[in-house]
Amino acid sequence: MTERSKATLRPDNSFEFVTIAAARARQLLRGCIPKVEGSLKPARRALQEVVSGAIEHSERPVAAPAKPAK
């Protein structure tokens, strides 16, 4: 990432930005506590969290939890 102000911290790569926000939206849908005030919609809140810098990402993706067998 390049040097940017904290108010508009966004990855240079759009794919990375969307991937991080999507992963955070899934967390919010599962009941995680939001890290910033904003929209009630999980996808929009996730975007706001990534842009604000409240979400730190790692180079290694986190695996999704296994779905229970039916």
C-alpha atoms as a PDB file:
ATOM      1  CA  MET A   1       0.000   0.000   0.000  1.00  0.00           C
ATOM      2  CA  THR A   2       1.105   3.523  -0.578  1.00  0.00           C
ATOM      3  CA  GLU A   3       1.177   6.352   1.941  1.00  0.00           C
ATOM      4  CA  ARG A   4      -2.351   7.692   2.374  1.00  0.00           C
ATOM      5  CA  SER A   5      -4.287   9.466   5.078  1.00  0.00           C
ATOM      6  CA  LYS A   6      -6.079   7.327   7.662  1.00  0.00           C
ATOM      7  CA  ALA A   7      -9.454   8.686   6.514  1.00  0.00           C
ATOM      8  CA  THR A   8      -9.165   7.088   3.073  1.00  0.00           C
ATOM      9  CA  LEU A   9      -7.014   3.998   3.578  1.00  0.00           C
ATOM     10  CA  ARG A  10      -7.785   1.722   0.638  1.00  0.00           C
ATOM     11  CA  PRO A  11      -5.640  -0.960  -1.019  1.00  0.00           C
ATOM     12  CA  ASP A  12      -4.187  -0.001  -4.407  1.00  0.00           C
ATOM     13  CA  ASN A  13      -5.523  -3.203  -5.927  1.00  0.00           C
ATOM     14  CA  SER A  14      -9.318  -3.081  -6.432  1.00  0.00           C
ATOM     15  CA  PHE A  15      -9.553  -6.870  -6.328  1.00  0.00           C
ATOM     16  CA  GLU A  16      -7.811  -6.906  -2.951  1.00  0.00           C
ATOM     17  CA  PHE A  17     -10.157  -4.197  -1.660  1.00  0.00           C
ATOM     18  CA  VAL A  18     -13.276  -6.115  -2.702  1.00  0.00           C
ATOM     19  CA  THR A  19     -11.915  -9.417  -1.376  1.00  0.00           C
ATOM     20  CA  ILE A  20     -11.151  -7.921   2.041  1.00  0.00           C
ATOM     21  CA  ALA A  21     -14.534  -6.195   2.224  1.00  0.00           C
ATOM     22  CA  ALA A  22     -16.363  -9.386   1.189  1.00  0.00           C
ATOM     23  CA  ALA A  23     -14.612 -11.404   3.883  1.00  0.00           C
ATOM     24  CA  ARG A  24     -15.497  -8.765   6.480  1.00  0.00           C
ATOM     25  CA  ALA A  25     -19.128  -8.664   5.273  1.00  0.00           C
ATOM     26  CA  ARG A  26     -19.348 -12.430   5.824  1.00  0.00           C
ATOM     27  CA  GLN A  27     -18.014 -11.930   9.357  1.00  0.00           C
ATOM     28  CA  LEU A  28     -20.620  -9.245  10.030  1.00  0.00           C
ATOM     29  CA  LEU A  29     -23.381 -11.499   8.714  1.00  0.00           C
ATOM     30  CA  ARG A  30     -22.228 -14.218  11.149  1.00  0.00           C
ATOM     31  CA  GLY A  31     -22.628 -11.750  14.030  1.00  0.00           C
ATOM     32  CA  CYS A  32     -19.236 -10.084  14.498  1.00  0.00           C
ATOM     33  CA  ILE A  33     -19.330  -6.673  16.145  1.00  0.00           C
ATOM     34  CA  PRO A  34     -18.892  -3.733  13.722  1.00  0.00           C
ATOM     35  CA  LYS A  35     -15.717  -1.704  14.222  1.00  0.00           C
ATOM     36  CA  VAL A  36     -17.087   1.619  12.880  1.00  0.00           C
ATOM     37  CA  GLU A  37     -20.403   3.437  12.988  1.00  0.00           C
ATOM     38  CA  GLY A  38     -22.202   3.547   9.674  1.00  0.00           C
ATOM     39  CA  SER A  39     -24.665   1.750   7.472  1.00  0.00           C
ATOM     40  CA  LEU A  40     -26.860  -1.023   8.824  1.00  0.00           C
ATOM     41  CA  LYS A  41     -26.206  -3.107   5.694  1.00  0.00           C
ATOM     42  CA  PRO A  42     -23.318  -5.547   6.295  1.00  0.00           C
ATOM     43  CA  ALA A  43     -21.751  -5.157   2.831  1.00  0.00           C
ATOM     44  CA  ARG A  44     -21.724  -1.375   3.008  1.00  0.00           C
ATOM     45  CA  ARG A  45     -20.489  -1.422   6.624  1.00  0.00           C
ATOM     46  CA  ALA A  46     -17.643  -3.740   5.574  1.00  0.00           C
ATOM     47  CA  LEU A  47     -16.603  -1.297   2.835  1.00  0.00           C
ATOM     48  CA  GLN A  48     -16.670   1.560   5.354  1.00  0.00           C
ATOM     49  CA  GLU A  49     -14.513  -0.424   7.771  1.00  0.00           C
ATOM     50  CA  VAL A  50     -11.907  -1.211   5.115  1.00  0.00           C
ATOM     51  CA  VAL A  51     -11.777   2.393   3.868  1.00  0.00           C
ATOM     52  CA  SER A  52     -11.459   3.758   7.413  1.00  0.00           C
ATOM     53  CA  GLY A  53      -8.522   1.460   8.168  1.00  0.00           C
ATOM     54  CA  ALA A  54     -10.352  -0.404  10.945  1.00  0.00           C
ATOM     55  CA  ILE A  55      -9.686  -3.724   9.198  1.00  0.00           C
ATOM     56  CA  GLU A  56      -6.156  -5.085   8.948  1.00  0.00           C
ATOM     57  CA  HIS A  57      -5.539  -7.715   6.319  1.00  0.00           C
ATOM     58  CA  SER A  58      -2.920 -10.398   6.077  1.00  0.00           C
ATOM     59  CA  GLU A  59      -1.198 -11.732   3.002  1.00  0.00           C
ATOM     60  CA  ARG A  60      -2.565 -15.206   3.745  1.00  0.00           C
ATOM     61  CA  PRO A  61      -6.336 -15.652   3.282  1.00  0.00           C
ATOM     62  CA  VAL A  62      -8.291 -17.051   6.206  1.00  0.00           C
ATOM     63  CA  ALA A  63     -10.135 -20.267   5.413  1.00  0.00           C
ATOM     64  CA  ALA A  64     -13.918 -20.255   5.728  1.00  0.00           C
ATOM     65  CA  PRO A  65     -15.339 -22.438   8.491  1.00  0.00           C
ATOM     66  CA  ALA A  66     -16.400 -25.905   7.398  1.00  0.00           C
ATOM     67  CA  LYS A  67     -20.102 -26.407   6.796  1.00  0.00           C
ATOM     68  CA  PRO A  68     -21.734 -29.108   8.915  1.00  0.00           C
ATOM     69  CA  ALA A  69     -22.626 -32.321   7.095  1.00  0.00           C
ATOM     70  CA  LYS A  70     -26.316 -32.999   6.571  1.00  0.00           C
END
